[in-house]
Amino acid sequence: MFDKLSQSLYSGNSGYLINQTHKQLASFGNKRAKSKKITFKRILEIGAGKGELYQYVKGGFAEYFMTDISSWGESEINKITKGDKRIKFELQNIEKLNYPDNHFDRVLVTCVVAHVDEPFRALEELRRVTSPAGIISIAVSTDPSIFLRVIRKLLVLRKMQNLEIPYDLHIAIQHRNNPLAILTMVKWIYKKDKIQIKYFPFRIKSWNLATHLIINIVKK
């Protein structure tokens, strides 16, 4: 099921849009590394899938932990780890990360928070494992925004006709946390930190006119 979804989503125009999301997710940390001329000691990626985000992450690092809750994309990630021994793949649950406090300088989270059972705990865990002055970048789907549903109907639904369950049902099951709820939790959990919220693709501050948000946080 995940292989079929991945192959369909990453092809054609929908694939282009997803890769743009990856670039946007990595952009804040990339610019920070370049402007401040810093090297991140440890990077954590949550929701690594098949390792699609890695090519967009710029700036030096000593260790890069690709993690996911399942091993469905591990075979593709292994191709990356063979070429770069600084990279490790681990099974991790965002709601209970098996890492010490203040362990990572940079944390990247693909569209994961919308899927979890306990988003508040997940967001707390991200802050816990991030070091002071470290950064967290989170991509959040705006489902059920009007614009995202239009884009999905135009670019995705036709490609998803041969799945075991209807794609709309898959989305309904998976996207259990809406963007407004996630933003409210972020503003509470990270109230002591610096928060930047960007709306895409139009930069209009309306989740209904966006396909996704990128939330960047600098921990104090």
N, C-alpha and C. Protein backbone atom coordinates (compact mmCIF):
# COMPACT_ATOMS: atom_id res chain seq x y z
N MET A 1 0.83 -1.20 0.00
CA MET A 1 0.00 0.00 0.00
C MET A 1 0.87 1.26 0.00
N PHE A 2 1.86 1.32 0.92
CA PHE A 2 2.72 2.49 0.99
C PHE A 2 3.58 2.62 -0.26
N ASP A 3 4.02 1.49 -0.81
CA ASP A 3 4.80 1.54 -2.05
C ASP A 3 3.98 2.12 -3.20
N LYS A 4 2.73 1.68 -3.32
CA LYS A 4 1.86 2.18 -4.38
C LYS A 4 1.59 3.68 -4.21
N LEU A 5 1.33 4.08 -2.96
CA LEU A 5 1.11 5.51 -2.69
C LEU A 5 2.33 6.33 -3.05
N SER A 6 3.50 5.85 -2.62
CA SER A 6 4.75 6.57 -2.86
C SER A 6 5.03 6.72 -4.35
N GLN A 7 4.87 5.62 -5.09
CA GLN A 7 5.15 5.66 -6.53
C GLN A 7 4.23 6.63 -7.25
N SER A 8 2.96 6.66 -6.83
CA SER A 8 1.99 7.54 -7.48
C SER A 8 2.20 9.00 -7.09
N LEU A 9 2.41 9.24 -5.80
CA LEU A 9 2.55 10.61 -5.32
C LEU A 9 3.81 11.28 -5.86
N TYR A 10 4.88 10.49 -6.03
CA TYR A 10 6.16 11.07 -6.46
C TYR A 10 6.32 11.07 -7.98
N SER A 11 5.25 10.85 -8.71
CA SER A 11 5.32 10.93 -10.17
C SER A 11 4.53 12.14 -10.66
N GLY A 12 4.93 12.68 -11.81
CA GLY A 12 4.21 13.78 -12.43
C GLY A 12 4.19 15.05 -11.62
N ASN A 13 3.09 15.82 -11.76
CA ASN A 13 2.98 17.12 -11.10
C ASN A 13 2.90 17.00 -9.58
N SER A 14 2.26 15.95 -9.08
CA SER A 14 2.19 15.77 -7.62
C SER A 14 3.58 15.52 -7.05
N GLY A 15 4.41 14.78 -7.80
CA GLY A 15 5.79 14.55 -7.36
C GLY A 15 6.58 15.83 -7.31
N TYR A 16 6.36 16.70 -8.28
CA TYR A 16 7.04 18.00 -8.29
C TYR A 16 6.66 18.81 -7.05
N LEU A 17 5.38 18.83 -6.71
CA LEU A 17 4.91 19.59 -5.55
C LEU A 17 5.46 19.03 -4.24
N ILE A 18 5.55 17.71 -4.13
CA ILE A 18 6.09 17.11 -2.91
C ILE A 18 7.57 17.44 -2.77
N ASN A 19 8.31 17.39 -3.86
CA ASN A 19 9.73 17.74 -3.80
C ASN A 19 9.92 19.22 -3.45
N GLN A 20 9.01 20.07 -3.90
CA GLN A 20 9.05 21.48 -3.51
C GLN A 20 8.83 21.61 -2.00
N THR A 21 7.94 20.80 -1.46
CA THR A 21 7.70 20.81 -0.02
C THR A 21 8.97 20.42 0.74
N HIS A 22 9.68 19.42 0.24
CA HIS A 22 10.94 19.00 0.86
C HIS A 22 11.97 20.13 0.85
N LYS A 23 12.06 20.82 -0.27
CA LYS A 23 12.99 21.96 -0.36
C LYS A 23 12.62 23.04 0.66
N GLN A 24 11.33 23.32 0.77
CA GLN A 24 10.85 24.34 1.70
C GLN A 24 11.11 23.92 3.15
N LEU A 25 10.94 22.64 3.43
CA LEU A 25 11.18 22.13 4.78
C LEU A 25 12.65 22.28 5.17
N ALA A 26 13.54 22.03 4.24
CA ALA A 26 14.98 22.09 4.52
C ALA A 26 15.53 23.51 4.47
N SER A 27 14.80 24.43 3.87
CA SER A 27 15.31 25.77 3.56
C SER A 27 15.77 26.55 4.79
N PHE A 28 14.98 26.55 5.85
CA PHE A 28 15.29 27.36 7.03
C PHE A 28 16.63 26.94 7.63
N GLY A 29 16.82 25.64 7.83
CA GLY A 29 18.08 25.15 8.39
C GLY A 29 19.25 25.36 7.45
N ASN A 30 19.00 25.21 6.14
CA ASN A 30 20.06 25.42 5.16
C ASN A 30 20.57 26.86 5.20
N LYS A 31 19.63 27.80 5.23
CA LYS A 31 20.00 29.22 5.26
C LYS A 31 20.71 29.57 6.56
N ARG A 32 20.24 28.99 7.65
CA ARG A 32 20.86 29.26 8.95
C ARG A 32 22.30 28.75 8.99
N ALA A 33 22.50 27.55 8.43
CA ALA A 33 23.85 26.98 8.39
C ALA A 33 24.78 27.84 7.55
N LYS A 34 24.27 28.36 6.43
CA LYS A 34 25.09 29.17 5.53
C LYS A 34 25.39 30.54 6.11
N SER A 35 24.37 31.21 6.64
CA SER A 35 24.56 32.59 7.13
C SER A 35 25.40 32.64 8.39
N LYS A 36 25.22 31.66 9.26
CA LYS A 36 25.97 31.64 10.52
C LYS A 36 27.24 30.79 10.44
N LYS A 37 27.43 30.17 9.26
CA LYS A 37 28.61 29.33 9.03
C LYS A 37 28.79 28.29 10.13
N ILE A 38 27.68 27.57 10.40
CA ILE A 38 27.71 26.55 11.45
C ILE A 38 27.58 25.16 10.85
N THR A 39 28.08 24.19 11.57
CA THR A 39 27.92 22.78 11.23
C THR A 39 27.07 22.13 12.30
N PHE A 40 25.99 21.49 11.89
CA PHE A 40 25.15 20.81 12.86
C PHE A 40 25.81 19.49 13.27
N LYS A 41 25.95 19.27 14.56
CA LYS A 41 26.59 18.05 15.02
C LYS A 41 25.72 16.83 14.71
N ARG A 42 24.45 16.92 15.13
CA ARG A 42 23.53 15.80 14.89
C ARG A 42 22.22 16.33 14.28
N ILE A 43 21.76 15.64 13.24
CA ILE A 43 20.49 15.96 12.60
C ILE A 43 19.55 14.76 12.78
N LEU A 44 18.31 15.06 13.12
CA LEU A 44 17.27 14.04 13.24
C LEU A 44 16.20 14.30 12.20
N GLU A 45 15.90 13.29 11.40
CA GLU A 45 14.77 13.37 10.46
C GLU A 45 13.71 12.37 10.89
N ILE A 46 12.49 12.84 11.03
CA ILE A 46 11.37 11.98 11.44
C ILE A 46 10.40 11.85 10.27
N GLY A 47 10.04 10.60 9.96
CA GLY A 47 9.19 10.34 8.80
C GLY A 47 10.01 10.28 7.53
N ALA A 48 11.13 9.55 7.59
CA ALA A 48 12.08 9.54 6.48
C ALA A 48 11.56 8.85 5.22
N GLY A 49 10.58 7.94 5.38
CA GLY A 49 10.05 7.25 4.20
C GLY A 49 11.13 6.48 3.46
N LYS A 50 11.39 6.88 2.22
CA LYS A 50 12.45 6.26 1.42
C LYS A 50 13.69 7.16 1.30
N GLY A 51 13.77 8.17 2.16
CA GLY A 51 14.94 9.05 2.16
C GLY A 51 14.86 10.18 1.16
N GLU A 52 13.63 10.57 0.78
CA GLU A 52 13.46 11.58 -0.27
C GLU A 52 13.95 12.97 0.15
N LEU A 53 13.87 13.28 1.43
CA LEU A 53 14.24 14.63 1.89
C LEU A 53 15.74 14.88 1.89
N TYR A 54 16.52 13.84 2.09
CA TYR A 54 17.95 13.97 2.35
C TYR A 54 18.70 14.82 1.31
N GLN A 55 18.34 14.67 0.05
CA GLN A 55 19.07 15.38 -1.02
C GLN A 55 18.94 16.90 -0.91
N TYR A 56 17.94 17.38 -0.16
CA TYR A 56 17.73 18.82 -0.04
C TYR A 56 18.34 19.41 1.23
N VAL A 57 18.87 18.58 2.11
CA VAL A 57 19.43 19.05 3.37
C VAL A 57 20.88 19.47 3.15
N LYS A 58 21.14 20.75 3.29
CA LYS A 58 22.48 21.29 3.06
C LYS A 58 23.12 21.67 4.40
N GLY A 59 24.43 21.89 4.36
CA GLY A 59 25.15 22.24 5.58
C GLY A 59 25.81 21.00 6.16
N GLY A 60 26.92 21.20 6.82
CA GLY A 60 27.66 20.06 7.35
C GLY A 60 26.99 19.42 8.55
N PHE A 61 27.35 18.19 8.82
CA PHE A 61 26.88 17.48 10.00
C PHE A 61 27.82 16.32 10.29
N ALA A 62 27.80 15.91 11.56
CA ALA A 62 28.62 14.76 11.95
C ALA A 62 27.82 13.46 11.91
N GLU A 63 26.53 13.56 12.28
CA GLU A 63 25.65 12.39 12.27
C GLU A 63 24.26 12.80 11.78
N TYR A 64 23.66 11.94 11.00
CA TYR A 64 22.31 12.18 10.46
C TYR A 64 21.48 10.92 10.73
N PHE A 65 20.44 11.06 11.56
CA PHE A 65 19.58 9.94 11.92
C PHE A 65 18.28 10.03 11.12
N MET A 66 18.11 9.11 10.16
CA MET A 66 16.84 8.98 9.45
C MET A 66 15.98 8.01 10.24
N THR A 67 14.76 8.42 10.59
CA THR A 67 13.90 7.56 11.39
C THR A 67 12.50 7.49 10.78
N ASP A 68 11.84 6.38 11.08
CA ASP A 68 10.45 6.20 10.69
C ASP A 68 9.84 5.22 11.66
N ILE A 69 8.50 5.17 11.69
CA ILE A 69 7.84 4.26 12.60
C ILE A 69 7.80 2.83 12.05
N SER A 70 8.06 2.69 10.75
CA SER A 70 8.13 1.36 10.13
C SER A 70 9.32 1.30 9.19
N SER A 71 9.64 0.10 8.75
CA SER A 71 10.82 -0.11 7.90
C SER A 71 10.47 -0.23 6.42
N TRP A 72 9.28 0.25 6.03
CA TRP A 72 8.82 0.01 4.66
C TRP A 72 9.76 0.63 3.61
N GLY A 73 10.45 1.73 3.94
CA GLY A 73 11.34 2.38 2.97
C GLY A 73 12.82 2.11 3.21
N GLU A 74 13.12 1.18 4.11
CA GLU A 74 14.51 0.98 4.53
C GLU A 74 15.42 0.55 3.39
N SER A 75 14.92 -0.25 2.46
CA SER A 75 15.76 -0.74 1.37
C SER A 75 16.31 0.41 0.53
N GLU A 76 15.49 1.45 0.33
CA GLU A 76 15.95 2.62 -0.42
C GLU A 76 16.91 3.47 0.41
N ILE A 77 16.62 3.58 1.70
CA ILE A 77 17.50 4.35 2.59
C ILE A 77 18.87 3.69 2.68
N ASN A 78 18.91 2.37 2.64
CA ASN A 78 20.19 1.64 2.71
C ASN A 78 21.13 2.04 1.58
N LYS A 79 20.57 2.40 0.43
CA LYS A 79 21.40 2.84 -0.69
C LYS A 79 22.09 4.17 -0.36
N ILE A 80 21.42 5.00 0.44
CA ILE A 80 22.01 6.27 0.86
C ILE A 80 23.06 6.03 1.94
N THR A 81 22.75 5.19 2.91
CA THR A 81 23.67 4.96 4.02
C THR A 81 24.96 4.29 3.56
N LYS A 82 24.89 3.50 2.51
CA LYS A 82 26.11 2.86 1.99
C LYS A 82 27.09 3.89 1.44
N GLY A 83 26.56 5.00 0.93
CA GLY A 83 27.42 6.03 0.36
C GLY A 83 27.86 7.08 1.36
N ASP A 84 27.26 7.07 2.55
CA ASP A 84 27.60 8.07 3.56
C ASP A 84 27.46 7.43 4.93
N LYS A 85 28.56 7.10 5.55
CA LYS A 85 28.56 6.38 6.82
C LYS A 85 28.12 7.25 8.00
N ARG A 86 27.95 8.54 7.78
CA ARG A 86 27.45 9.41 8.84
C ARG A 86 25.95 9.23 9.07
N ILE A 87 25.28 8.56 8.13
CA ILE A 87 23.83 8.42 8.16
C ILE A 87 23.44 7.07 8.76
N LYS A 88 22.45 7.08 9.64
CA LYS A 88 21.93 5.86 10.24
C LYS A 88 20.41 5.84 10.08
N PHE A 89 19.87 4.65 9.92
CA PHE A 89 18.41 4.51 9.90
C PHE A 89 17.98 3.79 11.17
N GLU A 90 16.94 4.34 11.83
CA GLU A 90 16.43 3.73 13.06
C GLU A 90 14.91 3.79 13.08
N LEU A 91 14.30 2.77 13.68
CA LEU A 91 12.86 2.79 13.92
C LEU A 91 12.61 3.62 15.17
N GLN A 92 11.78 4.66 15.05
CA GLN A 92 11.46 5.53 16.17
C GLN A 92 10.00 5.95 16.10
N ASN A 93 9.42 6.15 17.28
CA ASN A 93 8.05 6.66 17.40
C ASN A 93 8.13 8.09 17.88
N ILE A 94 7.63 9.04 17.10
CA ILE A 94 7.71 10.46 17.44
C ILE A 94 7.09 10.77 18.79
N GLU A 95 6.14 9.95 19.23
CA GLU A 95 5.47 10.18 20.51
C GLU A 95 6.32 9.72 21.70
N LYS A 96 7.35 8.95 21.43
CA LYS A 96 8.24 8.47 22.50
C LYS A 96 9.61 8.20 21.89
N LEU A 97 10.36 9.26 21.64
CA LEU A 97 11.66 9.14 20.99
C LEU A 97 12.69 8.57 21.96
N ASN A 98 13.48 7.65 21.46
CA ASN A 98 14.49 6.99 22.29
C ASN A 98 15.83 7.71 22.19
N TYR A 99 15.82 9.00 22.52
CA TYR A 99 17.04 9.81 22.49
C TYR A 99 17.09 10.67 23.76
N PRO A 100 18.30 11.04 24.20
CA PRO A 100 18.43 11.89 25.39
C PRO A 100 17.92 13.30 25.15
N ASP A 101 17.71 14.04 26.22
CA ASP A 101 17.35 15.45 26.14
C ASP A 101 18.45 16.24 25.43
N ASN A 102 18.06 17.26 24.70
CA ASN A 102 19.01 18.22 24.09
C ASN A 102 20.06 17.53 23.21
N HIS A 103 19.64 16.53 22.46
CA HIS A 103 20.60 15.68 21.74
C HIS A 103 20.89 16.15 20.31
N PHE A 104 19.92 16.85 19.67
CA PHE A 104 20.05 17.20 18.24
C PHE A 104 20.09 18.71 18.04
N ASP A 105 20.90 19.13 17.08
CA ASP A 105 21.01 20.54 16.72
C ASP A 105 19.97 20.94 15.66
N ARG A 106 19.51 19.95 14.92
CA ARG A 106 18.55 20.22 13.85
C ARG A 106 17.59 19.04 13.74
N VAL A 107 16.28 19.34 13.70
CA VAL A 107 15.25 18.30 13.60
C VAL A 107 14.33 18.64 12.43
N LEU A 108 14.11 17.67 11.57
CA LEU A 108 13.25 17.84 10.39
C LEU A 108 12.11 16.82 10.47
N VAL A 109 10.89 17.31 10.32
CA VAL A 109 9.72 16.44 10.44
C VAL A 109 8.85 16.61 9.19
N THR A 110 8.75 15.55 8.41
CA THR A 110 7.87 15.60 7.23
C THR A 110 6.42 15.48 7.71
N CYS A 111 5.48 15.22 6.84
CA CYS A 111 4.06 15.24 7.21
C CYS A 111 3.74 14.08 8.15
N VAL A 112 4.09 14.25 9.41
CA VAL A 112 3.94 13.20 10.42
C VAL A 112 2.94 13.59 11.50
N VAL A 113 2.99 14.83 11.97
CA VAL A 113 2.20 15.24 13.14
C VAL A 113 0.70 15.08 12.89
N ALA A 114 0.27 15.24 11.64
CA ALA A 114 -1.15 15.08 11.32
C ALA A 114 -1.64 13.65 11.51
N HIS A 115 -0.71 12.69 11.56
CA HIS A 115 -1.07 11.28 11.58
C HIS A 115 -1.11 10.65 12.97
N VAL A 116 -0.46 11.26 13.95
CA VAL A 116 -0.22 10.56 15.21
C VAL A 116 -1.43 10.59 16.13
N ASP A 117 -1.45 9.64 17.09
CA ASP A 117 -2.55 9.57 18.05
C ASP A 117 -2.48 10.68 19.08
N GLU A 118 -1.27 11.04 19.49
CA GLU A 118 -1.09 12.05 20.55
C GLU A 118 -0.16 13.16 20.06
N PRO A 119 -0.69 14.10 19.28
CA PRO A 119 0.16 15.15 18.69
C PRO A 119 0.82 16.04 19.74
N PHE A 120 0.14 16.31 20.85
CA PHE A 120 0.73 17.16 21.88
C PHE A 120 2.00 16.52 22.42
N ARG A 121 1.93 15.23 22.72
CA ARG A 121 3.11 14.52 23.22
C ARG A 121 4.21 14.50 22.16
N ALA A 122 3.84 14.31 20.89
CA ALA A 122 4.83 14.29 19.81
C ALA A 122 5.57 15.62 19.72
N LEU A 123 4.84 16.72 19.79
CA LEU A 123 5.47 18.04 19.72
C LEU A 123 6.34 18.33 20.94
N GLU A 124 5.92 17.83 22.10
CA GLU A 124 6.76 17.96 23.30
C GLU A 124 8.07 17.18 23.14
N GLU A 125 7.97 15.99 22.54
CA GLU A 125 9.17 15.17 22.34
C GLU A 125 10.16 15.85 21.41
N LEU A 126 9.67 16.51 20.38
CA LEU A 126 10.56 17.23 19.46
C LEU A 126 11.35 18.30 20.21
N ARG A 127 10.68 19.02 21.08
CA ARG A 127 11.38 20.06 21.84
C ARG A 127 12.38 19.44 22.82
N ARG A 128 11.98 18.34 23.44
CA ARG A 128 12.85 17.71 24.44
C ARG A 128 14.19 17.29 23.85
N VAL A 129 14.18 16.71 22.66
CA VAL A 129 15.42 16.16 22.10
C VAL A 129 16.25 17.20 21.36
N THR A 130 15.72 18.43 21.23
CA THR A 130 16.44 19.50 20.53
C THR A 130 17.26 20.31 21.53
N SER A 131 18.50 20.59 21.16
CA SER A 131 19.39 21.35 22.03
C SER A 131 19.01 22.83 22.06
N PRO A 132 19.39 23.58 23.10
CA PRO A 132 19.18 25.02 23.12
C PRO A 132 19.86 25.67 21.90
N ALA A 133 19.16 26.58 21.25
CA ALA A 133 19.59 27.22 20.01
C ALA A 133 19.46 26.29 18.80
N GLY A 134 19.00 25.07 19.03
CA GLY A 134 18.75 24.15 17.93
C GLY A 134 17.46 24.51 17.20
N ILE A 135 17.29 23.96 16.00
CA ILE A 135 16.12 24.31 15.18
C ILE A 135 15.28 23.08 14.88
N ILE A 136 13.98 23.33 14.78
CA ILE A 136 13.00 22.30 14.41
C ILE A 136 12.20 22.82 13.23
N SER A 137 12.10 22.02 12.18
CA SER A 137 11.30 22.38 11.00
C SER A 137 10.26 21.29 10.78
N ILE A 138 8.99 21.70 10.73
CA ILE A 138 7.89 20.73 10.65
C ILE A 138 7.01 21.06 9.45
N ALA A 139 6.79 20.08 8.59
CA ALA A 139 5.84 20.23 7.48
C ALA A 139 4.49 19.70 7.93
N VAL A 140 3.44 20.50 7.73
CA VAL A 140 2.10 20.13 8.17
C VAL A 140 1.13 20.24 7.00
N SER A 141 0.45 19.16 6.68
CA SER A 141 -0.60 19.20 5.65
C SER A 141 -1.76 20.06 6.15
N THR A 142 -2.38 20.81 5.24
CA THR A 142 -3.51 21.66 5.62
C THR A 142 -4.86 20.95 5.46
N ASP A 143 -4.84 19.67 5.28
CA ASP A 143 -6.08 18.90 5.15
C ASP A 143 -7.02 19.22 6.32
N PRO A 144 -8.27 19.59 6.11
CA PRO A 144 -9.08 19.51 4.88
C PRO A 144 -9.27 20.86 4.17
N SER A 145 -8.22 21.59 3.88
CA SER A 145 -8.36 22.89 3.24
C SER A 145 -8.98 22.76 1.85
N ILE A 146 -9.68 23.80 1.45
CA ILE A 146 -10.34 23.80 0.14
C ILE A 146 -9.31 23.65 -0.98
N PHE A 147 -8.21 24.41 -0.89
CA PHE A 147 -7.22 24.40 -1.96
C PHE A 147 -6.55 23.03 -2.08
N LEU A 148 -6.23 22.41 -0.95
CA LEU A 148 -5.60 21.09 -0.99
C LEU A 148 -6.52 20.05 -1.60
N ARG A 149 -7.79 20.12 -1.28
CA ARG A 149 -8.74 19.15 -1.85
C ARG A 149 -8.86 19.33 -3.36
N VAL A 150 -8.79 20.58 -3.84
CA VAL A 150 -8.83 20.82 -5.28
C VAL A 150 -7.59 20.24 -5.94
N ILE A 151 -6.41 20.51 -5.38
CA ILE A 151 -5.16 19.99 -5.92
C ILE A 151 -5.17 18.47 -5.93
N ARG A 152 -5.65 17.88 -4.86
CA ARG A 152 -5.71 16.42 -4.76
C ARG A 152 -6.61 15.83 -5.83
N LYS A 153 -7.75 16.48 -6.07
CA LYS A 153 -8.68 15.99 -7.09
C LYS A 153 -8.08 16.10 -8.48
N LEU A 154 -7.35 17.19 -8.75
CA LEU A 154 -6.78 17.41 -10.08
C LEU A 154 -5.56 16.54 -10.36
N LEU A 155 -4.71 16.34 -9.35
CA LEU A 155 -3.40 15.73 -9.59
C LEU A 155 -3.21 14.32 -9.04
N VAL A 156 -4.05 13.92 -8.09
CA VAL A 156 -3.75 12.68 -7.38
C VAL A 156 -4.81 11.59 -7.54
N LEU A 157 -6.08 11.92 -7.44
CA LEU A 157 -7.12 10.91 -7.33
C LEU A 157 -7.14 9.91 -8.48
N ARG A 158 -6.90 10.37 -9.71
CA ARG A 158 -6.91 9.45 -10.85
C ARG A 158 -5.84 8.38 -10.73
N LYS A 159 -4.70 8.76 -10.14
CA LYS A 159 -3.57 7.82 -10.01
C LYS A 159 -3.77 6.82 -8.89
N MET A 160 -4.81 7.03 -8.06
CA MET A 160 -5.00 6.20 -6.87
C MET A 160 -6.19 5.24 -7.00
N GLN A 161 -6.60 4.95 -8.24
CA GLN A 161 -7.80 4.14 -8.43
C GLN A 161 -7.58 2.65 -8.19
N ASN A 162 -6.33 2.20 -8.18
CA ASN A 162 -6.08 0.75 -8.04
C ASN A 162 -5.59 0.36 -6.65
N LEU A 163 -5.85 1.20 -5.66
CA LEU A 163 -5.46 0.87 -4.29
C LEU A 163 -6.45 -0.11 -3.68
N GLU A 164 -6.01 -0.79 -2.61
CA GLU A 164 -6.88 -1.75 -1.93
C GLU A 164 -8.07 -1.06 -1.27
N ILE A 165 -7.87 0.18 -0.80
CA ILE A 165 -8.96 0.97 -0.24
C ILE A 165 -8.98 2.31 -0.96
N PRO A 166 -10.14 2.99 -1.02
CA PRO A 166 -10.20 4.29 -1.71
C PRO A 166 -9.23 5.29 -1.09
N TYR A 167 -8.62 6.11 -1.92
CA TYR A 167 -7.64 7.07 -1.43
C TYR A 167 -8.27 8.07 -0.46
N ASP A 168 -9.50 8.49 -0.74
CA ASP A 168 -10.19 9.41 0.17
C ASP A 168 -10.34 8.79 1.56
N LEU A 169 -10.61 7.50 1.61
CA LEU A 169 -10.74 6.80 2.90
C LEU A 169 -9.38 6.73 3.59
N HIS A 170 -8.34 6.46 2.82
CA HIS A 170 -6.98 6.44 3.38
C HIS A 170 -6.64 7.78 4.02
N ILE A 171 -6.94 8.89 3.34
CA ILE A 171 -6.67 10.22 3.87
C ILE A 171 -7.49 10.47 5.13
N ALA A 172 -8.77 10.07 5.10
CA ALA A 172 -9.64 10.27 6.26
C ALA A 172 -9.12 9.54 7.49
N ILE A 173 -8.57 8.35 7.29
CA ILE A 173 -8.02 7.56 8.40
C ILE A 173 -6.71 8.15 8.88
N GLN A 174 -5.85 8.57 7.97
CA GLN A 174 -4.50 8.98 8.30
C GLN A 174 -4.40 10.41 8.83
N HIS A 175 -5.12 11.35 8.23
CA HIS A 175 -5.00 12.76 8.61
C HIS A 175 -5.98 13.08 9.74
N ARG A 176 -5.64 12.67 10.93
CA ARG A 176 -6.56 12.78 12.06
C ARG A 176 -6.41 14.08 12.86
N ASN A 177 -5.33 14.85 12.62
CA ASN A 177 -5.11 16.10 13.35
C ASN A 177 -5.10 17.27 12.38
N ASN A 178 -6.01 18.21 12.56
CA ASN A 178 -6.14 19.32 11.61
C ASN A 178 -5.10 20.40 11.88
N PRO A 179 -4.79 21.24 10.88
CA PRO A 179 -3.71 22.23 11.02
C PRO A 179 -3.95 23.27 12.11
N LEU A 180 -5.21 23.68 12.32
CA LEU A 180 -5.48 24.67 13.36
C LEU A 180 -5.16 24.12 14.74
N ALA A 181 -5.51 22.87 14.97
CA ALA A 181 -5.21 22.23 16.25
C ALA A 181 -3.70 22.12 16.45
N ILE A 182 -2.99 21.74 15.39
CA ILE A 182 -1.53 21.60 15.48
C ILE A 182 -0.88 22.96 15.78
N LEU A 183 -1.32 24.01 15.10
CA LEU A 183 -0.77 25.34 15.33
C LEU A 183 -1.02 25.81 16.76
N THR A 184 -2.21 25.53 17.28
CA THR A 184 -2.53 25.92 18.65
C THR A 184 -1.60 25.22 19.64
N MET A 185 -1.35 23.93 19.42
CA MET A 185 -0.45 23.19 20.30
C MET A 185 0.99 23.69 20.19
N VAL A 186 1.42 23.99 18.96
CA VAL A 186 2.78 24.51 18.75
C VAL A 186 2.99 25.81 19.51
N LYS A 187 2.02 26.71 19.41
CA LYS A 187 2.15 28.03 20.06
C LYS A 187 2.20 27.90 21.58
N TRP A 188 1.59 26.87 22.13
CA TRP A 188 1.64 26.66 23.57
C TRP A 188 2.95 26.00 23.99
N ILE A 189 3.29 24.90 23.34
CA ILE A 189 4.48 24.12 23.73
C ILE A 189 5.76 24.92 23.53
N TYR A 190 5.80 25.71 22.45
CA TYR A 190 7.01 26.46 22.09
C TYR A 190 6.87 27.96 22.41
N LYS A 191 6.06 28.30 23.41
CA LYS A 191 5.79 29.70 23.71
C LYS A 191 7.03 30.46 24.16
N LYS A 192 8.05 29.77 24.66
CA LYS A 192 9.29 30.42 25.07
C LYS A 192 10.29 30.54 23.91
N ASP A 193 9.96 29.94 22.79
CA ASP A 193 10.89 29.86 21.67
C ASP A 193 10.49 30.81 20.54
N LYS A 194 11.32 30.89 19.53
CA LYS A 194 11.02 31.71 18.35
C LYS A 194 10.34 30.83 17.31
N ILE A 195 9.14 31.23 16.90
CA ILE A 195 8.34 30.44 15.96
C ILE A 195 8.13 31.24 14.67
N GLN A 196 8.34 30.57 13.54
CA GLN A 196 8.07 31.15 12.22
C GLN A 196 7.14 30.20 11.48
N ILE A 197 6.03 30.72 10.95
CA ILE A 197 5.06 29.89 10.23
C ILE A 197 4.94 30.41 8.80
N LYS A 198 5.14 29.52 7.83
CA LYS A 198 5.03 29.90 6.42
C LYS A 198 3.93 29.07 5.76
N TYR A 199 3.14 29.76 4.94
CA TYR A 199 2.03 29.13 4.22
C TYR A 199 2.40 28.98 2.75
N PHE A 200 2.09 27.81 2.17
CA PHE A 200 2.43 27.54 0.77
C PHE A 200 1.20 27.04 0.03
N PRO A 201 1.09 27.35 -1.28
CA PRO A 201 2.12 27.98 -2.13
C PRO A 201 2.01 29.50 -2.25
N PHE A 202 0.96 30.13 -1.68
CA PHE A 202 0.70 31.55 -1.96
C PHE A 202 1.25 32.51 -0.91
N ARG A 203 1.75 32.00 0.21
CA ARG A 203 2.23 32.83 1.32
C ARG A 203 1.11 33.67 1.94
N ILE A 204 -0.16 33.33 1.65
CA ILE A 204 -1.30 33.99 2.28
C ILE A 204 -1.57 33.28 3.60
N LYS A 205 -1.76 34.04 4.66
CA LYS A 205 -1.92 33.42 5.99
C LYS A 205 -3.32 32.88 6.19
N SER A 206 -3.65 31.89 5.37
CA SER A 206 -4.94 31.20 5.46
C SER A 206 -4.71 29.72 5.16
N TRP A 207 -4.98 28.86 6.12
CA TRP A 207 -4.77 27.42 5.89
C TRP A 207 -5.71 26.89 4.81
N ASN A 208 -6.87 27.56 4.62
CA ASN A 208 -7.82 27.10 3.61
C ASN A 208 -7.33 27.36 2.20
N LEU A 209 -6.38 28.29 2.04
CA LEU A 209 -5.83 28.61 0.71
C LEU A 209 -4.41 28.06 0.56
N ALA A 210 -4.06 27.09 1.38
CA ALA A 210 -2.72 26.51 1.35
C ALA A 210 -2.80 24.99 1.20
N THR A 211 -1.73 24.42 0.69
CA THR A 211 -1.61 22.95 0.65
C THR A 211 -0.87 22.43 1.87
N HIS A 212 0.04 23.27 2.41
CA HIS A 212 0.81 22.85 3.57
C HIS A 212 1.43 24.06 4.27
N LEU A 213 1.83 23.85 5.50
CA LEU A 213 2.54 24.85 6.30
C LEU A 213 3.93 24.32 6.61
N ILE A 214 4.87 25.24 6.74
CA ILE A 214 6.18 24.89 7.29
C ILE A 214 6.34 25.70 8.58
N ILE A 215 6.52 25.00 9.67
CA ILE A 215 6.71 25.63 10.98
C ILE A 215 8.19 25.49 11.34
N ASN A 216 8.86 26.62 11.51
CA ASN A 216 10.27 26.64 11.93
C ASN A 216 10.37 27.19 13.35
N ILE A 217 11.14 26.52 14.17
CA ILE A 217 11.26 26.89 15.57
C ILE A 217 12.75 26.93 15.95
N VAL A 218 13.14 27.99 16.65
CA VAL A 218 14.46 28.05 17.23
C VAL A 218 14.28 27.94 18.75
N LYS A 219 14.81 26.90 19.33
CA LYS A 219 14.62 26.65 20.76
C LYS A 219 15.52 27.57 21.58
N LYS A 220 14.95 28.16 22.60
CA LYS A 220 15.71 29.02 23.51
C LYS A 220 16.20 28.21 24.71
